[in-house]
Amino acid sequence: MARPTRHGPAHWIAAALRLLAESGPDAVGIEALARRLGATKGSFYHHFADRPALLAALLAHWETKAAMGVVDRVEAAGGSGSARLWALMETVAREGAASPEPAIRLWARTDPEALAAVARVDRARLDYLEELFAAMGVRGPDAITRARLAYLALIGEHALGERPALEARLATARRVHALLTEGTGTLLEFN
């Protein structure tokens, strides 16, 4: 007889993120997740006290991954401020289509905990972008403005609900990068 699969907290959180992205926060229920995972509700309650505990863990996971996961990867690759900005933009263009972020931002409109998590992620991302522009020699209000423009470009595709093909997203990202880094003396050559 086949041994039952054990589902740890990470499995439940990953399934909850997928369900959230597909159908919104109201769809993230214990029974729906248990069916999706082929698990029992008892397995759920082994890891989480209740649905609010799962939702809190989901937000904490997203916040850590969204705020620092991509940044950590970009920083590990190193390079100039311009090169790191491009690495960030390219990563978002390549990976963004599968993001649960639109659903989390929608959820944040009605949930104070989700709103607080989104605000912290936004602040961390904007601070990082300002650091990248400072590394290119852009300071003060110009760095803040370029950081905001970069951020709005990065999350704007989600807000519009568009899903252009990868090559179109990359081409747009290259143009945005060129505009944002213009005058910094750090333009990149693209293939």
N, C-alpha and C. Protein backbone atom coordinates (compact mmCIF):
# COMPACT_ATOMS: atom_id res chain seq x y z
N MET A 1 0.84 -1.18 0.00
CA MET A 1 0.00 0.00 0.00
C MET A 1 0.89 1.24 0.00
N ALA A 2 0.54 2.21 -0.83
CA ALA A 2 1.32 3.44 -0.93
C ALA A 2 1.20 4.24 0.36
N ARG A 3 2.32 4.78 0.74
CA ARG A 3 2.36 5.60 1.95
C ARG A 3 1.76 6.98 1.65
N PRO A 4 0.94 7.53 2.53
CA PRO A 4 0.36 8.85 2.26
C PRO A 4 1.45 9.93 2.23
N THR A 5 1.24 10.91 1.38
CA THR A 5 2.16 12.02 1.28
C THR A 5 1.98 12.93 2.48
N ARG A 6 3.09 13.35 3.06
CA ARG A 6 3.02 14.28 4.18
C ARG A 6 3.14 15.69 3.65
N HIS A 7 2.27 16.53 4.13
CA HIS A 7 2.27 17.93 3.70
C HIS A 7 2.65 18.80 4.88
N GLY A 8 3.79 19.47 4.71
CA GLY A 8 4.24 20.39 5.74
C GLY A 8 3.65 21.77 5.51
N PRO A 9 3.95 22.71 6.39
CA PRO A 9 3.42 24.06 6.26
C PRO A 9 3.73 24.69 4.90
N ALA A 10 4.91 24.44 4.38
CA ALA A 10 5.29 25.04 3.09
C ALA A 10 4.36 24.57 1.97
N HIS A 11 3.92 23.31 2.01
CA HIS A 11 2.98 22.80 1.00
C HIS A 11 1.64 23.52 1.07
N TRP A 12 1.16 23.69 2.30
CA TRP A 12 -0.12 24.37 2.49
C TRP A 12 -0.03 25.83 2.04
N ILE A 13 1.07 26.49 2.37
CA ILE A 13 1.24 27.89 1.98
C ILE A 13 1.35 28.02 0.46
N ALA A 14 2.12 27.14 -0.17
CA ALA A 14 2.26 27.18 -1.63
C ALA A 14 0.91 26.96 -2.31
N ALA A 15 0.15 26.00 -1.82
CA ALA A 15 -1.17 25.74 -2.40
C ALA A 15 -2.10 26.93 -2.16
N ALA A 16 -2.00 27.54 -0.99
CA ALA A 16 -2.84 28.70 -0.70
C ALA A 16 -2.48 29.88 -1.61
N LEU A 17 -1.20 30.08 -1.87
CA LEU A 17 -0.78 31.14 -2.80
C LEU A 17 -1.33 30.91 -4.20
N ARG A 18 -1.26 29.67 -4.67
CA ARG A 18 -1.79 29.36 -6.01
C ARG A 18 -3.29 29.60 -6.06
N LEU A 19 -4.00 29.14 -5.04
CA LEU A 19 -5.45 29.32 -5.00
C LEU A 19 -5.80 30.81 -4.89
N LEU A 20 -5.06 31.55 -4.10
CA LEU A 20 -5.26 32.99 -3.98
C LEU A 20 -5.08 33.66 -5.34
N ALA A 21 -4.01 33.31 -6.05
CA ALA A 21 -3.74 33.91 -7.36
C ALA A 21 -4.83 33.56 -8.37
N GLU A 22 -5.35 32.35 -8.29
CA GLU A 22 -6.37 31.91 -9.24
C GLU A 22 -7.75 32.48 -8.96
N SER A 23 -8.12 32.55 -7.65
CA SER A 23 -9.52 32.81 -7.33
C SER A 23 -9.75 33.85 -6.24
N GLY A 24 -8.70 34.44 -5.68
CA GLY A 24 -8.88 35.47 -4.66
C GLY A 24 -8.90 34.91 -3.25
N PRO A 25 -8.85 35.80 -2.26
CA PRO A 25 -8.71 35.37 -0.87
C PRO A 25 -9.90 34.58 -0.33
N ASP A 26 -11.09 34.87 -0.79
CA ASP A 26 -12.26 34.14 -0.28
C ASP A 26 -12.22 32.67 -0.65
N ALA A 27 -11.50 32.33 -1.72
CA ALA A 27 -11.42 30.94 -2.16
C ALA A 27 -10.44 30.11 -1.34
N VAL A 28 -9.59 30.79 -0.57
CA VAL A 28 -8.57 30.09 0.21
C VAL A 28 -9.22 29.54 1.47
N GLY A 29 -9.73 28.33 1.33
CA GLY A 29 -10.39 27.65 2.44
C GLY A 29 -9.70 26.34 2.76
N ILE A 30 -9.88 25.88 3.96
CA ILE A 30 -9.22 24.67 4.42
C ILE A 30 -9.64 23.46 3.60
N GLU A 31 -10.94 23.30 3.38
CA GLU A 31 -11.41 22.14 2.61
C GLU A 31 -10.91 22.18 1.17
N ALA A 32 -10.96 23.35 0.55
CA ALA A 32 -10.49 23.48 -0.84
C ALA A 32 -9.01 23.15 -0.93
N LEU A 33 -8.23 23.60 0.02
CA LEU A 33 -6.80 23.30 0.02
C LEU A 33 -6.53 21.83 0.27
N ALA A 34 -7.27 21.24 1.20
CA ALA A 34 -7.10 19.82 1.49
C ALA A 34 -7.40 18.98 0.24
N ARG A 35 -8.47 19.33 -0.47
CA ARG A 35 -8.79 18.61 -1.72
C ARG A 35 -7.66 18.77 -2.73
N ARG A 36 -7.20 19.98 -2.87
CA ARG A 36 -6.15 20.28 -3.84
C ARG A 36 -4.88 19.49 -3.54
N LEU A 37 -4.56 19.37 -2.26
CA LEU A 37 -3.34 18.66 -1.87
C LEU A 37 -3.55 17.16 -1.70
N GLY A 38 -4.80 16.73 -1.72
CA GLY A 38 -5.07 15.32 -1.45
C GLY A 38 -4.73 14.98 0.00
N ALA A 39 -5.00 15.93 0.88
CA ALA A 39 -4.67 15.77 2.29
C ALA A 39 -5.94 15.88 3.12
N THR A 40 -5.79 15.61 4.39
CA THR A 40 -6.93 15.72 5.30
C THR A 40 -6.91 17.08 5.98
N LYS A 41 -8.06 17.47 6.49
CA LYS A 41 -8.11 18.71 7.27
C LYS A 41 -7.28 18.55 8.55
N GLY A 42 -7.17 17.33 9.03
CA GLY A 42 -6.33 17.08 10.21
C GLY A 42 -4.88 17.46 9.95
N SER A 43 -4.41 17.19 8.73
CA SER A 43 -3.06 17.60 8.37
C SER A 43 -2.91 19.11 8.44
N PHE A 44 -3.94 19.82 7.96
CA PHE A 44 -3.92 21.28 8.04
C PHE A 44 -3.79 21.72 9.49
N TYR A 45 -4.66 21.18 10.35
CA TYR A 45 -4.70 21.61 11.75
C TYR A 45 -3.47 21.16 12.53
N HIS A 46 -2.70 20.25 11.97
CA HIS A 46 -1.43 19.88 12.59
C HIS A 46 -0.44 21.04 12.48
N HIS A 47 -0.58 21.85 11.42
CA HIS A 47 0.37 22.94 11.16
C HIS A 47 -0.17 24.33 11.46
N PHE A 48 -1.47 24.51 11.38
CA PHE A 48 -2.07 25.83 11.56
C PHE A 48 -3.26 25.74 12.51
N ALA A 49 -3.40 26.73 13.35
CA ALA A 49 -4.52 26.73 14.31
C ALA A 49 -5.85 26.89 13.60
N ASP A 50 -5.85 27.71 12.53
CA ASP A 50 -7.10 28.00 11.82
C ASP A 50 -6.77 28.72 10.51
N ARG A 51 -7.80 29.08 9.78
CA ARG A 51 -7.61 29.77 8.50
C ARG A 51 -6.87 31.10 8.67
N PRO A 52 -7.23 31.94 9.68
CA PRO A 52 -6.46 33.18 9.86
C PRO A 52 -4.96 32.94 10.08
N ALA A 53 -4.62 31.86 10.76
CA ALA A 53 -3.19 31.55 10.96
C ALA A 53 -2.52 31.21 9.63
N LEU A 54 -3.23 30.47 8.78
CA LEU A 54 -2.70 30.17 7.45
C LEU A 54 -2.52 31.46 6.65
N LEU A 55 -3.54 32.33 6.68
CA LEU A 55 -3.45 33.57 5.91
C LEU A 55 -2.30 34.45 6.41
N ALA A 56 -2.08 34.47 7.71
CA ALA A 56 -0.96 35.24 8.27
C ALA A 56 0.37 34.64 7.80
N ALA A 57 0.47 33.32 7.79
CA ALA A 57 1.69 32.66 7.32
C ALA A 57 1.89 32.90 5.83
N LEU A 58 0.81 32.89 5.07
CA LEU A 58 0.88 33.16 3.63
C LEU A 58 1.42 34.57 3.39
N LEU A 59 0.89 35.56 4.11
CA LEU A 59 1.37 36.93 3.96
C LEU A 59 2.84 37.07 4.36
N ALA A 60 3.22 36.43 5.45
CA ALA A 60 4.61 36.50 5.89
C ALA A 60 5.54 35.88 4.85
N HIS A 61 5.13 34.75 4.30
CA HIS A 61 5.92 34.10 3.25
C HIS A 61 6.04 35.00 2.02
N TRP A 62 4.92 35.54 1.57
CA TRP A 62 4.94 36.42 0.40
C TRP A 62 5.80 37.64 0.67
N GLU A 63 5.64 38.23 1.84
CA GLU A 63 6.39 39.44 2.15
C GLU A 63 7.89 39.18 2.11
N THR A 64 8.32 38.10 2.70
CA THR A 64 9.75 37.77 2.69
C THR A 64 10.23 37.50 1.27
N LYS A 65 9.47 36.71 0.55
CA LYS A 65 9.86 36.36 -0.82
C LYS A 65 9.78 37.58 -1.74
N ALA A 66 8.72 38.35 -1.64
CA ALA A 66 8.50 39.49 -2.55
C ALA A 66 9.47 40.62 -2.25
N ALA A 67 9.68 40.90 -0.98
CA ALA A 67 10.51 42.05 -0.63
C ALA A 67 11.99 41.77 -0.81
N MET A 68 12.43 40.58 -0.45
CA MET A 68 13.87 40.35 -0.45
C MET A 68 14.34 39.20 -1.34
N GLY A 69 13.47 38.29 -1.72
CA GLY A 69 13.91 37.14 -2.51
C GLY A 69 14.57 37.53 -3.82
N VAL A 70 13.92 38.34 -4.60
CA VAL A 70 14.48 38.76 -5.90
C VAL A 70 15.67 39.67 -5.67
N VAL A 71 15.57 40.56 -4.69
CA VAL A 71 16.68 41.48 -4.40
C VAL A 71 17.93 40.69 -4.01
N ASP A 72 17.77 39.67 -3.19
CA ASP A 72 18.91 38.85 -2.80
C ASP A 72 19.57 38.21 -4.01
N ARG A 73 18.76 37.72 -4.94
CA ARG A 73 19.32 37.11 -6.15
C ARG A 73 20.04 38.14 -7.00
N VAL A 74 19.46 39.34 -7.14
CA VAL A 74 20.08 40.40 -7.94
C VAL A 74 21.40 40.82 -7.29
N GLU A 75 21.39 40.99 -5.99
CA GLU A 75 22.60 41.41 -5.28
C GLU A 75 23.69 40.34 -5.35
N ALA A 76 23.30 39.08 -5.29
CA ALA A 76 24.29 38.00 -5.38
C ALA A 76 25.01 38.02 -6.72
N ALA A 77 24.32 38.43 -7.77
CA ALA A 77 24.94 38.50 -9.10
C ALA A 77 25.89 39.70 -9.20
N GLY A 78 25.65 40.73 -8.39
CA GLY A 78 26.53 41.90 -8.36
C GLY A 78 26.42 42.76 -9.60
N GLY A 79 27.41 43.61 -9.78
CA GLY A 79 27.45 44.50 -10.92
C GLY A 79 27.16 45.94 -10.53
N SER A 80 27.19 46.80 -11.52
CA SER A 80 26.91 48.22 -11.32
C SER A 80 25.44 48.42 -10.94
N GLY A 81 25.11 49.63 -10.51
CA GLY A 81 23.71 49.93 -10.23
C GLY A 81 22.83 49.70 -11.44
N SER A 82 23.31 50.10 -12.60
CA SER A 82 22.56 49.92 -13.84
C SER A 82 22.38 48.44 -14.17
N ALA A 83 23.44 47.67 -13.99
CA ALA A 83 23.37 46.22 -14.27
C ALA A 83 22.41 45.53 -13.30
N ARG A 84 22.43 45.95 -12.04
CA ARG A 84 21.52 45.35 -11.07
C ARG A 84 20.08 45.76 -11.34
N LEU A 85 19.88 47.02 -11.77
CA LEU A 85 18.52 47.44 -12.14
C LEU A 85 18.02 46.60 -13.31
N TRP A 86 18.88 46.37 -14.30
CA TRP A 86 18.46 45.54 -15.43
C TRP A 86 18.16 44.12 -14.97
N ALA A 87 19.02 43.56 -14.10
CA ALA A 87 18.78 42.19 -13.61
C ALA A 87 17.43 42.11 -12.90
N LEU A 88 17.10 43.14 -12.13
CA LEU A 88 15.81 43.17 -11.45
C LEU A 88 14.66 43.24 -12.46
N MET A 89 14.78 44.14 -13.44
CA MET A 89 13.72 44.30 -14.43
C MET A 89 13.56 43.05 -15.27
N GLU A 90 14.66 42.44 -15.65
CA GLU A 90 14.59 41.21 -16.45
C GLU A 90 13.95 40.08 -15.65
N THR A 91 14.32 39.96 -14.39
CA THR A 91 13.74 38.91 -13.54
C THR A 91 12.23 39.09 -13.42
N VAL A 92 11.79 40.32 -13.17
CA VAL A 92 10.35 40.58 -13.05
C VAL A 92 9.65 40.28 -14.37
N ALA A 93 10.26 40.68 -15.49
CA ALA A 93 9.65 40.40 -16.80
C ALA A 93 9.53 38.90 -17.03
N ARG A 94 10.56 38.15 -16.65
CA ARG A 94 10.55 36.71 -16.90
C ARG A 94 9.64 35.94 -15.94
N GLU A 95 9.58 36.36 -14.69
CA GLU A 95 8.89 35.59 -13.66
C GLU A 95 7.56 36.19 -13.22
N GLY A 96 7.29 37.43 -13.59
CA GLY A 96 6.15 38.15 -13.06
C GLY A 96 4.79 37.61 -13.43
N ALA A 97 4.68 36.94 -14.56
CA ALA A 97 3.37 36.49 -15.01
C ALA A 97 2.73 35.48 -14.04
N ALA A 98 3.55 34.75 -13.30
CA ALA A 98 3.02 33.75 -12.38
C ALA A 98 2.86 34.28 -10.96
N SER A 99 3.05 35.56 -10.77
CA SER A 99 3.03 36.16 -9.44
C SER A 99 1.64 36.20 -8.83
N PRO A 100 1.56 35.94 -7.51
CA PRO A 100 0.27 36.11 -6.82
C PRO A 100 0.03 37.57 -6.43
N GLU A 101 0.96 38.46 -6.79
CA GLU A 101 0.87 39.85 -6.34
C GLU A 101 -0.43 40.55 -6.69
N PRO A 102 -0.95 40.43 -7.90
CA PRO A 102 -2.23 41.11 -8.16
C PRO A 102 -3.33 40.70 -7.18
N ALA A 103 -3.40 39.42 -6.87
CA ALA A 103 -4.42 38.95 -5.93
C ALA A 103 -4.15 39.48 -4.52
N ILE A 104 -2.89 39.57 -4.14
CA ILE A 104 -2.56 40.08 -2.81
C ILE A 104 -2.89 41.56 -2.72
N ARG A 105 -2.60 42.32 -3.79
CA ARG A 105 -2.94 43.75 -3.79
C ARG A 105 -4.46 43.95 -3.75
N LEU A 106 -5.19 43.11 -4.43
CA LEU A 106 -6.66 43.19 -4.38
C LEU A 106 -7.15 42.86 -2.96
N TRP A 107 -6.60 41.84 -2.37
CA TRP A 107 -6.93 41.44 -1.01
C TRP A 107 -6.64 42.58 -0.04
N ALA A 108 -5.54 43.31 -0.27
CA ALA A 108 -5.13 44.40 0.62
C ALA A 108 -6.15 45.54 0.66
N ARG A 109 -7.02 45.59 -0.33
CA ARG A 109 -8.05 46.64 -0.33
C ARG A 109 -9.09 46.43 0.77
N THR A 110 -9.21 45.18 1.25
CA THR A 110 -10.25 44.89 2.24
C THR A 110 -9.70 44.28 3.53
N ASP A 111 -8.40 44.05 3.60
CA ASP A 111 -7.83 43.37 4.77
C ASP A 111 -6.66 44.19 5.32
N PRO A 112 -6.74 44.64 6.57
CA PRO A 112 -5.67 45.49 7.13
C PRO A 112 -4.31 44.80 7.21
N GLU A 113 -4.29 43.49 7.50
CA GLU A 113 -3.01 42.78 7.57
C GLU A 113 -2.37 42.68 6.19
N ALA A 114 -3.16 42.39 5.18
CA ALA A 114 -2.64 42.33 3.82
C ALA A 114 -2.16 43.71 3.38
N LEU A 115 -2.91 44.75 3.73
CA LEU A 115 -2.52 46.11 3.39
C LEU A 115 -1.18 46.48 4.04
N ALA A 116 -1.00 46.11 5.30
CA ALA A 116 0.25 46.40 5.99
C ALA A 116 1.42 45.66 5.34
N ALA A 117 1.20 44.41 4.95
CA ALA A 117 2.27 43.64 4.28
C ALA A 117 2.63 44.27 2.95
N VAL A 118 1.63 44.67 2.17
CA VAL A 118 1.89 45.32 0.88
C VAL A 118 2.65 46.63 1.09
N ALA A 119 2.27 47.39 2.09
CA ALA A 119 2.96 48.67 2.36
C ALA A 119 4.42 48.43 2.71
N ARG A 120 4.71 47.41 3.51
CA ARG A 120 6.11 47.11 3.87
C ARG A 120 6.90 46.66 2.65
N VAL A 121 6.29 45.83 1.81
CA VAL A 121 6.96 45.37 0.59
C VAL A 121 7.22 46.56 -0.34
N ASP A 122 6.23 47.41 -0.53
CA ASP A 122 6.41 48.58 -1.39
C ASP A 122 7.55 49.45 -0.88
N ARG A 123 7.60 49.70 0.43
CA ARG A 123 8.65 50.55 1.00
C ARG A 123 10.03 49.92 0.78
N ALA A 124 10.15 48.62 1.05
CA ALA A 124 11.44 47.94 0.88
C ALA A 124 11.89 47.98 -0.58
N ARG A 125 10.96 47.75 -1.49
CA ARG A 125 11.31 47.77 -2.91
C ARG A 125 11.72 49.17 -3.36
N LEU A 126 10.97 50.18 -2.94
CA LEU A 126 11.32 51.56 -3.31
C LEU A 126 12.67 51.96 -2.73
N ASP A 127 12.94 51.58 -1.49
CA ASP A 127 14.24 51.88 -0.89
C ASP A 127 15.37 51.23 -1.69
N TYR A 128 15.16 49.99 -2.09
CA TYR A 128 16.18 49.29 -2.88
C TYR A 128 16.40 50.00 -4.22
N LEU A 129 15.33 50.37 -4.89
CA LEU A 129 15.47 51.06 -6.17
C LEU A 129 16.20 52.39 -5.99
N GLU A 130 15.91 53.12 -4.92
CA GLU A 130 16.63 54.36 -4.66
C GLU A 130 18.12 54.09 -4.48
N GLU A 131 18.46 52.99 -3.81
CA GLU A 131 19.87 52.62 -3.64
C GLU A 131 20.52 52.35 -5.00
N LEU A 132 19.80 51.70 -5.89
CA LEU A 132 20.36 51.43 -7.21
C LEU A 132 20.64 52.73 -7.96
N PHE A 133 19.71 53.66 -7.90
CA PHE A 133 19.93 54.94 -8.59
C PHE A 133 21.05 55.74 -7.92
N ALA A 134 21.15 55.66 -6.60
CA ALA A 134 22.27 56.33 -5.91
C ALA A 134 23.60 55.74 -6.37
N ALA A 135 23.64 54.42 -6.60
CA ALA A 135 24.86 53.79 -7.10
C ALA A 135 25.21 54.26 -8.50
N MET A 136 24.22 54.80 -9.22
CA MET A 136 24.46 55.36 -10.55
C MET A 136 24.75 56.86 -10.49
N GLY A 137 24.82 57.40 -9.28
CA GLY A 137 25.12 58.81 -9.13
C GLY A 137 23.90 59.71 -9.11
N VAL A 138 22.72 59.15 -9.07
CA VAL A 138 21.48 59.94 -9.03
C VAL A 138 21.09 60.08 -7.56
N ARG A 139 20.87 61.30 -7.11
CA ARG A 139 20.60 61.54 -5.69
C ARG A 139 19.32 62.37 -5.50
N GLY A 140 18.87 62.42 -4.25
CA GLY A 140 17.77 63.28 -3.85
C GLY A 140 16.47 63.00 -4.58
N PRO A 141 15.74 64.08 -4.90
CA PRO A 141 14.44 63.92 -5.54
C PRO A 141 14.50 63.17 -6.88
N ASP A 142 15.61 63.32 -7.61
CA ASP A 142 15.72 62.60 -8.89
C ASP A 142 15.80 61.09 -8.66
N ALA A 143 16.52 60.67 -7.63
CA ALA A 143 16.60 59.23 -7.31
C ALA A 143 15.23 58.71 -6.87
N ILE A 144 14.55 59.49 -6.05
CA ILE A 144 13.22 59.08 -5.58
C ILE A 144 12.26 58.97 -6.76
N THR A 145 12.29 59.96 -7.64
CA THR A 145 11.39 59.95 -8.80
C THR A 145 11.69 58.79 -9.72
N ARG A 146 12.96 58.57 -10.03
CA ARG A 146 13.31 57.44 -10.90
C ARG A 146 12.95 56.11 -10.25
N ALA A 147 13.16 56.00 -8.94
CA ALA A 147 12.79 54.77 -8.24
C ALA A 147 11.29 54.53 -8.34
N ARG A 148 10.49 55.57 -8.14
CA ARG A 148 9.03 55.42 -8.24
C ARG A 148 8.61 55.05 -9.65
N LEU A 149 9.21 55.70 -10.65
CA LEU A 149 8.88 55.37 -12.04
C LEU A 149 9.26 53.92 -12.36
N ALA A 150 10.43 53.49 -11.91
CA ALA A 150 10.84 52.10 -12.14
C ALA A 150 9.85 51.15 -11.48
N TYR A 151 9.47 51.46 -10.24
CA TYR A 151 8.56 50.59 -9.51
C TYR A 151 7.19 50.53 -10.18
N LEU A 152 6.69 51.68 -10.57
CA LEU A 152 5.40 51.70 -11.25
C LEU A 152 5.44 50.92 -12.55
N ALA A 153 6.55 51.01 -13.26
CA ALA A 153 6.69 50.22 -14.50
C ALA A 153 6.72 48.73 -14.18
N LEU A 154 7.41 48.36 -13.10
CA LEU A 154 7.54 46.94 -12.76
C LEU A 154 6.21 46.32 -12.32
N ILE A 155 5.41 47.07 -11.57
CA ILE A 155 4.14 46.50 -11.10
C ILE A 155 2.96 46.87 -11.99
N GLY A 156 3.17 47.80 -12.91
CA GLY A 156 2.08 48.29 -13.74
C GLY A 156 1.44 47.26 -14.64
N GLU A 157 2.24 46.33 -15.13
CA GLU A 157 1.69 45.29 -16.00
C GLU A 157 0.61 44.50 -15.28
N HIS A 158 0.85 44.22 -13.98
CA HIS A 158 -0.16 43.53 -13.18
C HIS A 158 -1.42 44.38 -13.04
N ALA A 159 -1.21 45.66 -12.78
CA ALA A 159 -2.35 46.54 -12.56
C ALA A 159 -3.23 46.65 -13.80
N LEU A 160 -2.60 46.61 -14.96
CA LEU A 160 -3.36 46.69 -16.20
C LEU A 160 -4.01 45.35 -16.56
N GLY A 161 -3.54 44.29 -15.93
CA GLY A 161 -4.08 42.98 -16.23
C GLY A 161 -3.63 42.43 -17.57
N GLU A 162 -2.58 43.02 -18.11
CA GLU A 162 -2.07 42.56 -19.41
C GLU A 162 -1.10 41.41 -19.20
N ARG A 163 -1.05 40.54 -20.17
CA ARG A 163 -0.12 39.42 -20.14
C ARG A 163 0.57 39.29 -21.51
N PRO A 164 1.37 40.31 -21.89
CA PRO A 164 2.05 40.20 -23.18
C PRO A 164 3.07 39.07 -23.15
N ALA A 165 3.47 38.65 -24.32
CA ALA A 165 4.47 37.59 -24.45
C ALA A 165 5.79 38.04 -23.82
N LEU A 166 6.60 37.07 -23.44
CA LEU A 166 7.87 37.35 -22.78
C LEU A 166 8.74 38.32 -23.57
N GLU A 167 8.89 38.11 -24.87
CA GLU A 167 9.75 38.99 -25.67
C GLU A 167 9.24 40.42 -25.66
N ALA A 168 7.94 40.61 -25.66
CA ALA A 168 7.37 41.96 -25.59
C ALA A 168 7.65 42.58 -24.22
N ARG A 169 7.54 41.78 -23.15
CA ARG A 169 7.84 42.30 -21.81
C ARG A 169 9.31 42.69 -21.70
N LEU A 170 10.19 41.86 -22.25
CA LEU A 170 11.63 42.16 -22.20
C LEU A 170 11.96 43.40 -23.02
N ALA A 171 11.34 43.54 -24.19
CA ALA A 171 11.60 44.71 -25.03
C ALA A 171 11.15 45.99 -24.31
N THR A 172 9.99 45.94 -23.68
CA THR A 172 9.52 47.10 -22.92
C THR A 172 10.46 47.39 -21.76
N ALA A 173 10.89 46.34 -21.07
CA ALA A 173 11.80 46.53 -19.93
C ALA A 173 13.11 47.17 -20.39
N ARG A 174 13.62 46.79 -21.56
CA ARG A 174 14.86 47.40 -22.07
C ARG A 174 14.66 48.89 -22.32
N ARG A 175 13.52 49.25 -22.92
CA ARG A 175 13.25 50.66 -23.19
C ARG A 175 13.09 51.46 -21.89
N VAL A 176 12.38 50.88 -20.93
CA VAL A 176 12.20 51.55 -19.64
C VAL A 176 13.55 51.73 -18.96
N HIS A 177 14.37 50.68 -18.98
CA HIS A 177 15.70 50.77 -18.37
C HIS A 177 16.51 51.89 -19.02
N ALA A 178 16.49 51.96 -20.34
CA ALA A 178 17.25 53.00 -21.05
C ALA A 178 16.76 54.40 -20.66
N LEU A 179 15.45 54.57 -20.56
CA LEU A 179 14.91 55.88 -20.16
C LEU A 179 15.29 56.25 -18.74
N LEU A 180 15.21 55.28 -17.84
CA LEU A 180 15.49 55.55 -16.44
C LEU A 180 16.97 55.79 -16.15
N THR A 181 17.83 55.20 -16.94
CA THR A 181 19.27 55.36 -16.71
C THR A 181 19.89 56.43 -17.60
N GLU A 182 19.08 57.04 -18.45
CA GLU A 182 19.59 58.09 -19.33
C GLU A 182 20.23 59.20 -18.49
N GLY A 183 21.40 59.64 -18.92
CA GLY A 183 22.09 60.72 -18.23
C GLY A 183 22.91 60.26 -17.03
N THR A 184 22.91 58.97 -16.74
CA THR A 184 23.69 58.49 -15.60
C THR A 184 25.07 58.01 -16.03
N GLY A 185 25.28 57.90 -17.34
CA GLY A 185 26.56 57.39 -17.83
C GLY A 185 26.73 55.90 -17.62
N THR A 186 25.61 55.20 -17.39
CA THR A 186 25.68 53.76 -17.09
C THR A 186 24.80 52.94 -18.02
N LEU A 187 24.63 53.38 -19.24
CA LEU A 187 23.77 52.64 -20.17
C LEU A 187 24.36 51.26 -20.45
N LEU A 188 23.49 50.29 -20.59
CA LEU A 188 23.90 48.91 -20.88
C LEU A 188 23.69 48.62 -22.35
N GLU A 189 24.51 47.74 -22.86
CA GLU A 189 24.33 47.20 -24.21
C GLU A 189 23.49 45.93 -24.10
N PHE A 190 22.44 45.84 -24.87
CA PHE A 190 21.59 44.64 -24.88
C PHE A 190 21.83 43.87 -26.15
N ASN A 191 21.70 42.57 -26.04
CA ASN A 191 21.84 41.70 -27.23
C ASN A 191 20.67 41.88 -28.16
